Amino acid sequence: MNQDYFDNGIYQDDYYYNTPDLSMSWAPKLFAKLANYLQTSISPDVIRLGVIACIRNVVQTEEEQQTSWDKVENMRRYVDSVNRGLGLPDDANLLTLLRSSQWTGYGLFSMNYISEMNLDYKGICLDEQTSLSYPSMAFLIAMVKGMSMINLKKPKASEEDSHIYTLLVPHQFASFSFASFLNVAYNRLSGKEDLTKEELDDLISLSFKKRYWKLETSLKGKDSELFIFVLKNIISDILGIHLDIDTASFTSQVKKEELIAATPEGIDLTDKELDSQNISIAKAVEIVLTKHKLPQTRVSIMEDIVPFRPDIKEDSLRTIIGQLHKASVLNYYEGGLIGLKGKRYGRGYKVVGRLQKVKS
């Protein structure tokens, strides 16, 4: 699956990675260069960035001392702001380092999920003769690669097991409430050696429910395989439980939920339409006109139907609209407009017997 990522302007496809020619002397040491610049720059914004990254040491009063959680959360918030196009210092040297084409030579930049379990940060530090903690290196990777940072703790952990899991995930999953879902997963999986298919399907189906997604967004079908890959790794790394998930089945279920979410109230989809994710043109016309408060032209209906029926042809749409009008499902209005019969559009819309041409 080809997955595009926001990446501060340098990467478009993280699934493909060309290994550098091993006969060449390839040693950019970009982590070491970044760490050194964040430690030595006199730019106030770069100094602040270095402090947030826990790379630049500053003298703090006892009241200013931060917990480990505060530090990694500051990193996460800063990464979020950069991914939204805010906060990155306008410093030429810093931007040159962050956007260097040599980053693609690091094998880790083909990874779509990064944790302390799969990132050899100590080996990188040894090779580059620098000293970075795992959270600091993860922060730099997120800044370069455009990934999102999340911080989690094991549910119901004891004081002795207060480890913070700092993870990097694709930015389109940043709005998912991983902490809430992890608590649910812990409650359902704890103490069980085996899960039935029904239990597993029920657990995973929760992940595309809107209550776990902020800003009223939800998982899209095109991202489902990547999301399952990330979710399986998080549950494995934190809970130590390996889930055997049928990715194809999950993707199909996500697409069903996506279709249901896009369907206005009052319109029912058949089991066949849900299973095939292929609704009829007539049903698509009803969905489009139900969403709009005002009558629409045939051209605008055509444009809105494409997500439901990418194979739609203009002649087919014209025929179906005619049939729906004949069946008293639709009304024609002056000016080449089409609307649902029985729906109130307010004054100014006069019903006519034939579909008129749209005035240019």
Protein backbone atom coordinates (compact mmCIF):
# COMPACT_ATOMS: atom_id res chain seq x y z
CA MET A 1 0.00 0.00 0.00
CA ASN A 2 1.38 3.38 -0.97
CA GLN A 3 1.11 5.71 1.98
CA ASP A 4 1.88 9.41 1.77
CA TYR A 5 3.00 11.23 4.88
CA PHE A 6 3.37 14.85 5.88
CA ASP A 7 7.10 15.12 6.15
CA ASN A 8 8.23 18.74 6.38
CA GLY A 9 8.71 18.73 2.63
CA ILE A 10 11.18 15.97 1.82
CA TYR A 11 9.57 12.52 1.87
CA GLN A 12 6.58 11.26 -0.06
CA ASP A 13 6.75 7.51 0.37
CA ASP A 14 8.02 5.78 3.49
CA TYR A 15 7.32 2.28 2.21
CA TYR A 16 10.29 2.21 -0.13
CA TYR A 17 13.85 2.53 0.94
CA ASN A 18 16.88 2.34 -1.32
CA THR A 19 19.92 0.98 0.49
CA PRO A 20 22.94 3.26 0.02
CA ASP A 21 25.92 1.95 -1.92
CA LEU A 22 27.99 0.16 0.71
CA SER A 23 31.16 0.77 -1.26
CA MET A 24 30.86 4.49 -0.55
CA SER A 25 31.90 6.13 2.68
CA TRP A 26 28.43 6.99 3.96
CA ALA A 27 28.57 8.64 7.35
CA PRO A 28 26.47 11.80 7.54
CA LYS A 29 26.16 11.62 11.35
CA LEU A 30 23.03 13.76 11.20
CA PHE A 31 21.90 12.92 14.71
CA ALA A 32 25.26 14.05 16.08
CA LYS A 33 25.17 17.23 14.00
CA LEU A 34 21.64 18.05 15.11
CA ALA A 35 22.45 17.37 18.76
CA ASN A 36 25.56 19.54 18.56
CA TYR A 37 23.70 22.41 16.90
CA LEU A 38 20.89 22.29 19.46
CA GLN A 39 23.52 22.41 22.21
CA THR A 40 25.59 25.30 20.80
CA SER A 41 23.25 27.59 18.85
CA ILE A 42 22.67 31.06 20.29
CA SER A 43 19.29 31.48 18.58
CA PRO A 44 16.61 31.79 21.31
CA ASP A 45 14.16 29.59 19.35
CA VAL A 46 16.77 26.90 18.77
CA ILE A 47 17.80 27.06 22.42
CA ARG A 48 14.14 26.50 23.37
CA LEU A 49 13.93 23.57 20.95
CA GLY A 50 17.06 22.06 22.48
CA VAL A 51 15.59 22.39 25.96
CA ILE A 52 12.31 20.75 24.90
CA ALA A 53 14.28 17.92 23.27
CA CYS A 54 16.19 17.44 26.57
CA ILE A 55 19.40 17.88 24.60
CA ARG A 56 20.39 21.27 25.92
CA ASN A 57 21.06 21.49 29.64
CA VAL A 58 19.65 24.45 31.53
CA VAL A 59 19.77 25.34 35.19
CA GLN A 60 16.31 25.02 36.72
CA THR A 61 14.99 25.90 40.13
CA GLU A 62 13.38 23.18 42.23
CA GLU A 63 9.94 24.49 41.25
CA GLU A 64 10.86 24.29 37.55
CA GLN A 65 12.01 20.69 37.72
CA GLN A 66 9.88 18.53 35.44
CA THR A 67 8.91 14.90 35.75
CA SER A 68 9.82 12.49 32.98
CA TRP A 69 6.18 12.52 31.88
CA ASP A 70 6.17 16.33 31.63
CA LYS A 71 9.28 16.23 29.47
CA VAL A 72 8.01 13.72 26.93
CA GLU A 73 4.60 15.41 26.85
CA ASN A 74 6.32 18.73 26.03
CA MET A 75 8.03 16.93 23.17
CA ARG A 76 4.73 15.50 21.95
CA ARG A 77 2.98 18.87 22.01
CA TYR A 78 5.84 20.50 20.11
CA VAL A 79 5.77 17.76 17.44
CA ASP A 80 2.01 18.21 17.08
CA SER A 81 2.43 21.94 16.53
CA VAL A 82 5.12 21.37 13.89
CA ASN A 83 2.92 18.83 12.08
CA ARG A 84 0.23 21.52 11.97
CA GLY A 85 2.70 23.94 10.40
CA LEU A 86 3.47 25.89 13.58
CA GLY A 87 6.36 26.30 15.93
CA LEU A 88 9.44 25.24 13.92
CA PRO A 89 12.20 27.88 14.32
CA ASP A 90 12.98 29.86 11.18
CA ASP A 91 16.68 29.03 11.42
CA ALA A 92 18.51 28.26 8.17
CA ASN A 93 21.09 25.92 9.72
CA LEU A 94 18.46 23.96 11.65
CA LEU A 95 16.21 23.60 8.60
CA THR A 96 19.15 22.43 6.48
CA LEU A 97 19.85 19.65 8.98
CA LEU A 98 16.20 18.64 9.36
CA ARG A 99 15.60 18.55 5.61
CA SER A 100 18.85 16.95 4.50
CA SER A 101 18.40 14.36 1.74
CA GLN A 102 20.91 12.17 3.59
CA TRP A 103 18.24 11.19 6.12
CA THR A 104 16.89 8.68 3.61
CA GLY A 105 20.05 6.63 4.07
CA TYR A 106 19.05 5.70 7.61
CA GLY A 107 17.22 2.37 7.51
CA LEU A 108 14.88 3.45 10.30
CA PHE A 109 13.28 5.95 7.95
CA SER A 110 11.47 3.14 6.17
CA MET A 111 9.70 2.31 9.45
CA ASN A 112 6.04 3.21 10.03
CA TYR A 113 6.11 2.49 13.76
CA ILE A 114 9.02 3.30 16.07
CA SER A 115 9.43 2.32 19.69
CA GLU A 116 12.22 1.64 22.14
CA MET A 117 11.80 -2.03 21.22
CA ASN A 118 12.72 -1.65 17.55
CA LEU A 119 15.00 1.41 17.43
CA ASP A 120 18.69 0.75 18.05
CA TYR A 121 19.27 4.26 19.39
CA LYS A 122 22.26 3.17 21.48
CA GLY A 123 23.93 1.71 18.38
CA ILE A 124 23.28 4.91 16.43
CA CYS A 125 24.76 6.99 19.25
CA LEU A 126 27.81 4.71 19.34
CA ASP A 127 28.32 4.99 15.57
CA GLU A 128 27.93 8.76 15.58
CA GLN A 129 29.83 9.30 18.85
CA THR A 130 27.01 11.28 20.41
CA SER A 131 24.82 10.89 23.46
CA LEU A 132 21.05 10.94 23.08
CA SER A 133 18.33 9.38 25.16
CA TYR A 134 15.68 7.35 23.37
CA PRO A 135 12.97 10.04 23.81
CA SER A 136 15.31 12.72 22.46
CA MET A 137 16.17 10.65 19.38
CA ALA A 138 12.51 9.78 18.83
CA PHE A 139 11.70 13.50 19.04
CA LEU A 140 14.29 14.32 16.35
CA ILE A 141 12.99 11.52 14.12
CA ALA A 142 9.44 12.85 14.47
CA MET A 143 10.63 16.33 13.53
CA VAL A 144 12.38 15.05 10.41
CA LYS A 145 9.92 12.40 9.31
CA GLY A 146 6.64 14.11 10.15
CA MET A 147 5.42 11.31 12.40
CA SER A 148 3.37 11.89 15.54
CA MET A 149 4.64 11.16 19.03
CA ILE A 150 2.44 9.47 21.64
CA ASN A 151 3.23 8.68 25.26
CA LEU A 152 1.58 5.77 27.05
CA LYS A 153 1.80 3.88 30.32
CA LYS A 154 0.81 0.31 31.00
CA PRO A 155 -2.75 0.24 32.39
CA LYS A 156 -2.97 -0.38 36.15
CA ALA A 157 0.82 -0.53 36.43
CA SER A 158 2.44 -0.68 39.86
CA GLU A 159 4.74 2.07 41.10
CA GLU A 160 7.68 -0.18 40.28
CA ASP A 161 6.43 -0.53 36.70
CA SER A 162 5.98 3.15 35.80
CA HIS A 163 7.79 2.96 32.47
CA ILE A 164 6.73 5.55 29.87
CA TYR A 165 6.34 4.21 26.34
CA THR A 166 7.19 6.94 23.86
CA LEU A 167 6.12 5.85 20.40
CA LEU A 168 6.13 7.29 16.89
CA VAL A 169 3.13 6.59 14.67
CA PRO A 170 1.94 7.91 11.27
CA HIS A 171 0.53 11.39 11.77
CA GLN A 172 -2.97 10.49 10.52
CA PHE A 173 -3.43 8.35 13.64
CA ALA A 174 -2.56 11.15 16.08
CA SER A 175 -6.24 11.80 16.80
CA PHE A 176 -6.84 8.23 17.99
CA SER A 177 -7.17 7.80 21.77
CA PHE A 178 -4.57 5.06 22.19
CA ALA A 179 -4.61 5.37 26.00
CA SER A 180 -8.38 4.76 26.26
CA PHE A 181 -8.26 1.87 23.81
CA LEU A 182 -5.27 0.34 25.59
CA ASN A 183 -7.23 0.32 28.86
CA VAL A 184 -10.12 -1.48 27.17
CA ALA A 185 -7.74 -3.97 25.56
CA TYR A 186 -6.06 -4.61 28.93
CA ASN A 187 -9.40 -5.27 30.64
CA ARG A 188 -10.51 -7.67 27.91
CA LEU A 189 -7.22 -9.46 27.33
CA SER A 190 -5.72 -9.65 30.82
CA GLY A 191 -5.38 -13.22 32.05
CA LYS A 192 -6.53 -14.78 28.79
CA GLU A 193 -4.20 -17.12 26.95
CA ASP A 194 -6.39 -17.43 23.86
CA LEU A 195 -9.06 -15.25 22.33
CA THR A 196 -11.91 -16.53 20.25
CA LYS A 197 -12.36 -15.03 16.79
CA GLU A 198 -15.54 -13.32 18.00
CA GLU A 199 -13.73 -11.74 20.97
CA LEU A 200 -10.89 -10.56 18.77
CA ASP A 201 -13.21 -9.16 16.11
CA ASP A 202 -15.25 -7.37 18.76
CA LEU A 203 -12.13 -5.80 20.30
CA ILE A 204 -10.64 -4.66 17.02
CA SER A 205 -13.95 -3.34 15.70
CA LEU A 206 -13.92 -0.85 18.58
CA SER A 207 -10.91 0.89 17.05
CA PHE A 208 -12.96 2.51 14.30
CA LYS A 209 -15.69 3.75 16.61
CA LYS A 210 -15.88 7.53 16.65
CA ARG A 211 -15.57 7.74 20.43
CA TYR A 212 -11.90 6.81 20.12
CA TRP A 213 -11.20 9.47 17.51
CA LYS A 214 -10.90 13.16 18.33
CA LEU A 215 -12.35 15.94 16.19
CA GLU A 216 -15.11 13.61 14.98
CA THR A 217 -12.74 11.82 12.64
CA SER A 218 -12.50 8.06 12.29
CA LEU A 219 -10.35 5.43 10.65
CA LYS A 220 -10.46 5.46 6.87
CA GLY A 221 -10.49 2.25 4.87
CA LYS A 222 -7.34 3.13 2.95
CA ASP A 223 -5.37 3.37 6.21
CA SER A 224 -6.77 0.30 7.93
CA GLU A 225 -3.92 -2.14 7.23
CA LEU A 226 -1.31 0.32 8.44
CA PHE A 227 -3.39 1.14 11.52
CA ILE A 228 -3.72 -2.54 12.43
CA PHE A 229 0.05 -2.92 12.06
CA VAL A 230 0.57 -0.03 14.51
CA LEU A 231 -2.11 -1.21 16.95
CA LYS A 232 -0.78 -4.78 17.05
CA ASN A 233 2.72 -3.50 17.82
CA ILE A 234 1.54 -1.19 20.60
CA ILE A 235 -0.43 -3.98 22.30
CA SER A 236 2.55 -6.31 21.91
CA ASP A 237 5.12 -3.80 23.23
CA ILE A 238 3.08 -2.60 26.21
CA LEU A 239 0.81 -5.51 27.15
CA GLY A 240 3.06 -8.29 25.85
CA ILE A 241 0.13 -9.83 23.97
CA HIS A 242 0.41 -10.86 20.34
CA LEU A 243 -2.83 -10.58 18.39
CA ASP A 244 -3.53 -12.73 15.35
CA ILE A 245 -5.68 -10.30 13.38
CA ASP A 246 -7.19 -11.03 9.98
CA THR A 247 -6.15 -7.81 8.25
CA ALA A 248 -8.31 -8.38 5.16
CA SER A 249 -11.40 -8.95 7.32
CA PHE A 250 -10.67 -5.87 9.40
CA THR A 251 -10.18 -3.71 6.31
CA SER A 252 -13.53 -4.87 4.95
CA GLN A 253 -15.22 -4.06 8.27
CA VAL A 254 -13.65 -0.59 8.34
CA LYS A 255 -14.96 0.15 4.88
CA LYS A 256 -18.44 -0.92 5.99
CA GLU A 257 -18.32 1.43 8.96
CA GLU A 258 -16.98 4.20 6.75
CA LEU A 259 -19.91 3.74 4.35
CA ILE A 260 -22.40 3.72 7.24
CA ALA A 261 -20.87 6.93 8.65
CA ALA A 262 -21.20 8.64 5.26
CA THR A 263 -24.87 7.66 4.94
CA PRO A 264 -27.39 10.22 6.30
CA GLU A 265 -30.02 9.19 8.82
CA GLY A 266 -33.19 7.89 7.23
CA ILE A 267 -31.42 5.99 4.44
CA ASP A 268 -30.92 2.28 5.04
CA LEU A 269 -28.25 0.24 3.32
CA THR A 270 -28.84 -3.41 2.48
CA ASP A 271 -26.50 -6.17 3.70
CA LYS A 272 -25.42 -6.67 0.09
CA GLU A 273 -24.49 -3.00 -0.25
CA LEU A 274 -22.54 -3.10 3.00
CA ASP A 275 -20.73 -6.33 2.15
CA SER A 276 -19.76 -5.18 -1.33
CA GLN A 277 -19.28 -1.49 -0.40
CA ASN A 278 -21.00 -0.86 -3.73
CA ILE A 279 -24.30 0.98 -3.41
CA SER A 280 -26.71 1.56 -6.26
CA ILE A 281 -26.63 4.81 -8.22
CA ALA A 282 -30.22 5.52 -7.12
CA LYS A 283 -29.24 5.14 -3.45
CA ALA A 284 -26.18 7.35 -4.00
CA VAL A 285 -28.39 10.09 -5.50
CA GLU A 286 -30.64 9.97 -2.43
CA ILE A 287 -27.65 10.15 -0.09
CA VAL A 288 -26.21 13.17 -1.90
CA LEU A 289 -29.49 15.08 -2.00
CA THR A 290 -30.25 14.25 1.64
CA LYS A 291 -26.95 15.81 2.69
CA HIS A 292 -27.60 19.08 0.84
CA LYS A 293 -30.00 21.67 2.23
CA LEU A 294 -30.78 23.03 -1.26
CA PRO A 295 -31.56 21.43 -4.65
CA GLN A 296 -28.53 20.56 -6.77
CA THR A 297 -27.64 20.50 -10.45
CA ARG A 298 -26.92 17.21 -12.15
CA VAL A 299 -23.26 18.20 -12.44
CA SER A 300 -22.90 18.77 -8.68
CA ILE A 301 -24.71 15.50 -7.96
CA MET A 302 -22.29 13.74 -10.30
CA GLU A 303 -19.30 15.16 -8.41
CA ASP A 304 -20.67 14.13 -5.01
CA ILE A 305 -21.52 10.60 -6.15
CA VAL A 306 -17.97 9.75 -7.25
CA PRO A 307 -16.80 8.72 -3.71
CA PHE A 308 -19.69 6.23 -3.55
CA ARG A 309 -19.54 5.11 -7.18
CA PRO A 310 -16.15 5.86 -8.79
CA ASP A 311 -17.35 4.07 -11.92
CA ILE A 312 -20.33 6.40 -12.45
CA LYS A 313 -21.04 7.49 -16.02
CA GLU A 314 -22.95 10.63 -16.98
CA ASP A 315 -25.45 8.72 -19.15
CA SER A 316 -26.16 6.29 -16.29
CA LEU A 317 -26.78 9.13 -13.87
CA ARG A 318 -29.08 10.88 -16.33
CA THR A 319 -31.13 7.69 -16.75
CA ILE A 320 -31.40 7.00 -13.01
CA ILE A 321 -32.42 10.58 -12.24
CA GLY A 322 -35.16 10.28 -14.86
CA GLN A 323 -36.38 7.03 -13.33
CA LEU A 324 -36.39 8.49 -9.81
CA HIS A 325 -38.36 11.49 -11.05
CA LYS A 326 -40.88 9.22 -12.75
CA ALA A 327 -41.19 7.22 -9.51
CA SER A 328 -41.96 10.48 -7.63
CA VAL A 329 -38.76 10.25 -5.58
CA LEU A 330 -37.32 13.48 -7.03
CA ASN A 331 -38.62 16.87 -8.09
CA TYR A 332 -37.26 19.12 -10.84
CA TYR A 333 -36.97 22.82 -10.04
CA GLU A 334 -36.47 25.87 -12.21
CA GLY A 335 -32.88 26.50 -13.23
CA GLY A 336 -31.95 22.87 -13.82
CA LEU A 337 -32.11 21.97 -10.13
CA ILE A 338 -32.98 18.58 -8.64
CA GLY A 339 -34.25 17.85 -5.13
CA LEU A 340 -35.96 15.20 -3.03
CA LYS A 341 -39.73 15.17 -3.19
CA GLY A 342 -41.22 16.05 0.17
CA LYS A 343 -38.12 17.89 1.38
CA ARG A 344 -38.68 21.55 2.23
CA TYR A 345 -36.29 23.88 0.45
CA GLY A 346 -37.97 27.17 1.32
CA ARG A 347 -39.48 29.76 -0.92
CA GLY A 348 -38.11 30.55 -4.35
CA TYR A 349 -37.91 27.01 -5.75
CA LYS A 350 -40.63 26.33 -8.29
CA VAL A 351 -41.35 22.72 -9.29
CA VAL A 352 -41.35 22.07 -13.06
CA GLY A 353 -42.23 19.01 -15.12
CA ARG A 354 -38.98 18.67 -17.07
CA LEU A 355 -35.34 19.07 -16.15
CA GLN A 356 -34.22 22.42 -17.52
CA LYS A 357 -30.79 23.37 -18.78
CA VAL A 358 -28.56 25.13 -16.31
CA LYS A 359 -28.05 28.74 -17.30
CA SER A 360 -24.38 29.55 -17.74
